[in-house]
Amino acid sequence: MTTRHRDAVLELAPRQLRRTFTLTEASLLIANCEPQNLADLAAVRSQLPARNVADIADPIGQDAAFFAEVGALIAEQLPTVIEFCHRSSAPGVN
C-alpha cells in the first residue's frame, strides 16, 4: 500500500520494478493514462510525479475509525485496478 511496502518488495526482487506499483500509483496511472497492458502501465509511470502520489497509510496499530478510512480509500481505488487486470489479461491483449 505504501512506498515502503513497494520498496520492501523491490529489495527482495529488484528486477520487478516495472511490475511493482502501490495501489495509488496504479489507480492514478490507469485512470489518467489509459494503459492497455502492464507494459503500457510501466511505460507511463514517469508521467506521475512521485511527490503527487499519496500513500495509503498502514492502519496497523490504529483505531477502528482509521481502519475504516483506509478501507474506504482502498475500496475507492481497487475497482480501477481490478478492471484493468481483467481487461489487460483478456485474450488478444498484448
N, C-alpha and C. Protein backbone atom coordinates (compact mmCIF):
# COMPACT_ATOMS: atom_id res chain seq x y z
N MET A 1 0.81 -1.20 0.00
CA MET A 1 0.00 0.00 0.00
C MET A 1 0.86 1.26 0.00
N THR A 2 1.95 1.24 0.71
CA THR A 2 2.80 2.42 0.80
C THR A 2 4.06 2.24 -0.04
N THR A 3 4.76 3.33 -0.26
CA THR A 3 6.02 3.22 -1.00
C THR A 3 7.02 2.38 -0.21
N ARG A 4 6.91 2.38 1.12
CA ARG A 4 7.78 1.50 1.92
C ARG A 4 7.50 0.03 1.62
N HIS A 5 6.23 -0.32 1.48
CA HIS A 5 5.88 -1.70 1.13
C HIS A 5 6.43 -2.04 -0.26
N ARG A 6 6.23 -1.13 -1.22
CA ARG A 6 6.74 -1.36 -2.57
C ARG A 6 8.25 -1.52 -2.55
N ASP A 7 8.94 -0.65 -1.82
CA ASP A 7 10.40 -0.72 -1.75
C ASP A 7 10.87 -2.02 -1.11
N ALA A 8 10.12 -2.53 -0.12
CA ALA A 8 10.48 -3.80 0.51
C ALA A 8 10.37 -4.95 -0.50
N VAL A 9 9.34 -4.92 -1.33
CA VAL A 9 9.20 -5.93 -2.39
C VAL A 9 10.39 -5.84 -3.34
N LEU A 10 10.76 -4.63 -3.71
CA LEU A 10 11.84 -4.45 -4.68
C LEU A 10 13.21 -4.82 -4.10
N GLU A 11 13.36 -4.74 -2.79
CA GLU A 11 14.60 -5.23 -2.18
C GLU A 11 14.76 -6.72 -2.40
N LEU A 12 13.65 -7.44 -2.31
CA LEU A 12 13.66 -8.89 -2.50
C LEU A 12 13.71 -9.28 -3.97
N ALA A 13 13.11 -8.45 -4.82
CA ALA A 13 13.02 -8.79 -6.25
C ALA A 13 13.22 -7.53 -7.09
N PRO A 14 14.45 -7.02 -7.15
CA PRO A 14 14.70 -5.75 -7.84
C PRO A 14 14.35 -5.76 -9.33
N ARG A 15 14.36 -6.91 -9.94
CA ARG A 15 14.02 -6.98 -11.37
C ARG A 15 12.53 -6.74 -11.63
N GLN A 16 11.75 -6.66 -10.59
CA GLN A 16 10.30 -6.49 -10.75
C GLN A 16 9.86 -5.03 -10.71
N LEU A 17 10.81 -4.10 -10.81
CA LEU A 17 10.48 -2.68 -10.74
C LEU A 17 9.37 -2.29 -11.70
N ARG A 18 9.46 -2.74 -12.94
CA ARG A 18 8.46 -2.37 -13.94
C ARG A 18 7.09 -2.99 -13.66
N ARG A 19 7.02 -3.92 -12.74
CA ARG A 19 5.76 -4.61 -12.45
C ARG A 19 5.23 -4.33 -11.05
N THR A 20 5.88 -3.43 -10.32
CA THR A 20 5.52 -3.20 -8.92
C THR A 20 5.07 -1.76 -8.71
N PHE A 21 3.84 -1.61 -8.24
CA PHE A 21 3.24 -0.30 -8.03
C PHE A 21 2.53 -0.30 -6.69
N THR A 22 2.41 0.87 -6.08
CA THR A 22 1.49 0.97 -4.96
C THR A 22 0.08 1.00 -5.56
N LEU A 23 -0.91 0.75 -4.74
CA LEU A 23 -2.29 0.79 -5.22
C LEU A 23 -2.62 2.17 -5.78
N THR A 24 -2.20 3.22 -5.09
CA THR A 24 -2.48 4.58 -5.54
C THR A 24 -1.78 4.88 -6.87
N GLU A 25 -0.52 4.48 -7.00
CA GLU A 25 0.18 4.68 -8.27
C GLU A 25 -0.56 4.02 -9.42
N ALA A 26 -0.89 2.75 -9.24
CA ALA A 26 -1.56 2.01 -10.30
C ALA A 26 -2.91 2.63 -10.63
N SER A 27 -3.69 2.94 -9.63
CA SER A 27 -5.01 3.51 -9.84
C SER A 27 -4.95 4.84 -10.60
N LEU A 28 -4.07 5.72 -10.18
CA LEU A 28 -3.94 7.02 -10.85
C LEU A 28 -3.44 6.88 -12.28
N LEU A 29 -2.45 6.04 -12.49
CA LEU A 29 -1.93 5.84 -13.85
C LEU A 29 -2.99 5.24 -14.77
N ILE A 30 -3.71 4.27 -14.29
CA ILE A 30 -4.75 3.63 -15.10
C ILE A 30 -5.84 4.64 -15.45
N ALA A 31 -6.27 5.41 -14.47
CA ALA A 31 -7.35 6.37 -14.69
C ALA A 31 -6.94 7.52 -15.60
N ASN A 32 -5.70 7.97 -15.51
CA ASN A 32 -5.27 9.16 -16.25
C ASN A 32 -4.55 8.88 -17.56
N CYS A 33 -3.94 7.72 -17.69
CA CYS A 33 -3.12 7.44 -18.88
C CYS A 33 -3.69 6.35 -19.77
N GLU A 34 -4.69 5.64 -19.29
CA GLU A 34 -5.38 4.60 -20.05
C GLU A 34 -4.45 3.55 -20.68
N PRO A 35 -3.55 2.97 -19.91
CA PRO A 35 -2.69 1.91 -20.46
C PRO A 35 -3.53 0.69 -20.82
N GLN A 36 -3.06 -0.05 -21.82
CA GLN A 36 -3.79 -1.25 -22.26
C GLN A 36 -3.29 -2.52 -21.60
N ASN A 37 -2.05 -2.50 -21.11
CA ASN A 37 -1.46 -3.70 -20.51
C ASN A 37 -0.37 -3.27 -19.53
N LEU A 38 0.26 -4.25 -18.90
CA LEU A 38 1.27 -3.96 -17.88
C LEU A 38 2.47 -3.22 -18.46
N ALA A 39 2.86 -3.56 -19.67
CA ALA A 39 3.99 -2.86 -20.30
C ALA A 39 3.66 -1.38 -20.49
N ASP A 40 2.42 -1.08 -20.91
CA ASP A 40 1.99 0.31 -21.05
C ASP A 40 1.98 1.01 -19.70
N LEU A 41 1.50 0.30 -18.69
CA LEU A 41 1.44 0.88 -17.34
C LEU A 41 2.84 1.25 -16.86
N ALA A 42 3.79 0.37 -17.07
CA ALA A 42 5.18 0.65 -16.68
C ALA A 42 5.73 1.82 -17.47
N ALA A 43 5.37 1.90 -18.75
CA ALA A 43 5.90 2.96 -19.62
C ALA A 43 5.40 4.35 -19.21
N VAL A 44 4.19 4.43 -18.67
CA VAL A 44 3.64 5.74 -18.31
C VAL A 44 3.94 6.13 -16.86
N ARG A 45 4.63 5.27 -16.14
CA ARG A 45 4.94 5.56 -14.73
C ARG A 45 5.60 6.93 -14.56
N SER A 46 6.47 7.30 -15.47
CA SER A 46 7.20 8.57 -15.34
C SER A 46 6.27 9.78 -15.49
N GLN A 47 5.06 9.60 -15.97
CA GLN A 47 4.12 10.70 -16.12
C GLN A 47 3.45 11.09 -14.80
N LEU A 48 3.72 10.33 -13.77
CA LEU A 48 3.11 10.59 -12.47
C LEU A 48 4.21 10.99 -11.49
N PRO A 49 4.35 12.30 -11.23
CA PRO A 49 5.39 12.74 -10.30
C PRO A 49 5.21 12.08 -8.93
N ALA A 50 6.28 11.52 -8.40
CA ALA A 50 6.22 10.78 -7.14
C ALA A 50 5.68 11.64 -5.99
N ARG A 51 6.01 12.89 -5.99
CA ARG A 51 5.58 13.74 -4.88
C ARG A 51 4.07 13.95 -4.86
N ASN A 52 3.39 13.66 -5.97
CA ASN A 52 1.94 13.83 -6.03
C ASN A 52 1.17 12.56 -5.67
N VAL A 53 1.88 11.49 -5.38
CA VAL A 53 1.22 10.23 -5.08
C VAL A 53 1.25 9.99 -3.58
N ALA A 54 0.08 10.08 -2.99
CA ALA A 54 -0.02 9.86 -1.54
C ALA A 54 -0.11 8.37 -1.25
N ASP A 55 0.58 7.94 -0.24
CA ASP A 55 0.46 6.56 0.21
C ASP A 55 -0.88 6.35 0.90
N ILE A 56 -1.36 5.13 0.85
CA ILE A 56 -2.46 4.73 1.72
C ILE A 56 -1.78 4.28 3.01
N ALA A 57 -2.11 4.94 4.08
CA ALA A 57 -1.44 4.67 5.35
C ALA A 57 -1.67 3.23 5.80
N ASP A 58 -0.68 2.70 6.48
CA ASP A 58 -0.79 1.37 7.07
C ASP A 58 -1.59 1.51 8.37
N PRO A 59 -2.74 0.86 8.48
CA PRO A 59 -3.59 1.06 9.66
C PRO A 59 -3.21 0.24 10.89
N ILE A 60 -2.18 -0.59 10.78
CA ILE A 60 -1.80 -1.43 11.91
C ILE A 60 -1.53 -0.55 13.14
N GLY A 61 -2.15 -0.92 14.24
CA GLY A 61 -1.96 -0.20 15.50
C GLY A 61 -2.86 1.02 15.66
N GLN A 62 -3.72 1.28 14.69
CA GLN A 62 -4.60 2.44 14.75
C GLN A 62 -5.99 2.02 15.23
N ASP A 63 -6.84 3.01 15.46
CA ASP A 63 -8.20 2.71 15.94
C ASP A 63 -9.13 2.32 14.79
N ALA A 64 -10.34 1.92 15.15
CA ALA A 64 -11.30 1.43 14.16
C ALA A 64 -11.66 2.49 13.12
N ALA A 65 -11.76 3.73 13.53
CA ALA A 65 -12.09 4.80 12.59
C ALA A 65 -11.01 4.94 11.52
N PHE A 66 -9.77 4.80 11.93
CA PHE A 66 -8.66 4.90 10.97
C PHE A 66 -8.71 3.72 10.00
N PHE A 67 -8.98 2.52 10.52
CA PHE A 67 -9.14 1.35 9.66
C PHE A 67 -10.24 1.59 8.63
N ALA A 68 -11.35 2.20 9.07
CA ALA A 68 -12.46 2.48 8.16
C ALA A 68 -12.04 3.47 7.07
N GLU A 69 -11.27 4.49 7.43
CA GLU A 69 -10.78 5.46 6.44
C GLU A 69 -9.89 4.78 5.40
N VAL A 70 -8.99 3.94 5.88
CA VAL A 70 -8.09 3.21 4.98
C VAL A 70 -8.90 2.28 4.08
N GLY A 71 -9.87 1.60 4.66
CA GLY A 71 -10.73 0.71 3.88
C GLY A 71 -11.48 1.46 2.80
N ALA A 72 -11.95 2.65 3.11
CA ALA A 72 -12.67 3.46 2.12
C ALA A 72 -11.75 3.86 0.97
N LEU A 73 -10.52 4.23 1.28
CA LEU A 73 -9.56 4.58 0.22
C LEU A 73 -9.26 3.38 -0.68
N ILE A 74 -9.08 2.24 -0.06
CA ILE A 74 -8.81 1.02 -0.84
C ILE A 74 -10.03 0.68 -1.70
N ALA A 75 -11.21 0.75 -1.12
CA ALA A 75 -12.44 0.44 -1.86
C ALA A 75 -12.65 1.40 -3.03
N GLU A 76 -12.17 2.62 -2.90
CA GLU A 76 -12.29 3.62 -3.97
C GLU A 76 -11.33 3.32 -5.12
N GLN A 77 -10.12 2.88 -4.80
CA GLN A 77 -9.08 2.70 -5.82
C GLN A 77 -9.03 1.31 -6.43
N LEU A 78 -9.39 0.31 -5.68
CA LEU A 78 -9.23 -1.07 -6.12
C LEU A 78 -10.04 -1.44 -7.37
N PRO A 79 -11.28 -1.00 -7.52
CA PRO A 79 -12.02 -1.39 -8.72
C PRO A 79 -11.34 -1.00 -10.03
N THR A 80 -10.71 0.15 -10.07
CA THR A 80 -9.98 0.58 -11.27
C THR A 80 -8.88 -0.40 -11.61
N VAL A 81 -8.14 -0.83 -10.60
CA VAL A 81 -7.02 -1.75 -10.81
C VAL A 81 -7.52 -3.15 -11.18
N ILE A 82 -8.57 -3.60 -10.53
CA ILE A 82 -9.12 -4.92 -10.85
C ILE A 82 -9.64 -4.95 -12.28
N GLU A 83 -10.36 -3.92 -12.68
CA GLU A 83 -10.89 -3.86 -14.05
C GLU A 83 -9.75 -3.85 -15.06
N PHE A 84 -8.68 -3.10 -14.77
CA PHE A 84 -7.51 -3.07 -15.64
C PHE A 84 -6.90 -4.47 -15.76
N CYS A 85 -6.76 -5.15 -14.65
CA CYS A 85 -6.18 -6.50 -14.66
C CYS A 85 -7.01 -7.45 -15.52
N HIS A 86 -8.32 -7.38 -15.38
CA HIS A 86 -9.19 -8.23 -16.20
C HIS A 86 -9.06 -7.86 -17.68
N ARG A 87 -9.11 -6.57 -17.96
CA ARG A 87 -9.04 -6.09 -19.35
C ARG A 87 -7.69 -6.43 -19.98
N SER A 88 -6.61 -6.23 -19.25
CA SER A 88 -5.28 -6.42 -19.83
C SER A 88 -4.90 -7.89 -19.97
N SER A 89 -5.62 -8.76 -19.27
CA SER A 89 -5.31 -10.19 -19.39
C SER A 89 -6.26 -10.90 -20.35
N ALA A 90 -7.14 -10.14 -20.98
CA ALA A 90 -8.09 -10.73 -21.92
C ALA A 90 -7.35 -11.26 -23.15
N PRO A 91 -7.86 -12.31 -23.76
CA PRO A 91 -7.22 -12.84 -24.98
C PRO A 91 -7.10 -11.75 -26.04
N GLY A 92 -5.97 -11.72 -26.70
CA GLY A 92 -5.73 -10.75 -27.75
C GLY A 92 -5.11 -9.44 -27.30
N VAL A 93 -4.96 -9.26 -25.98
CA VAL A 93 -4.32 -8.05 -25.46
C VAL A 93 -2.85 -8.37 -25.26
N ASN A 94 -1.99 -7.53 -25.79
CA ASN A 94 -0.54 -7.77 -25.68
C ASN A 94 -0.03 -7.32 -24.36
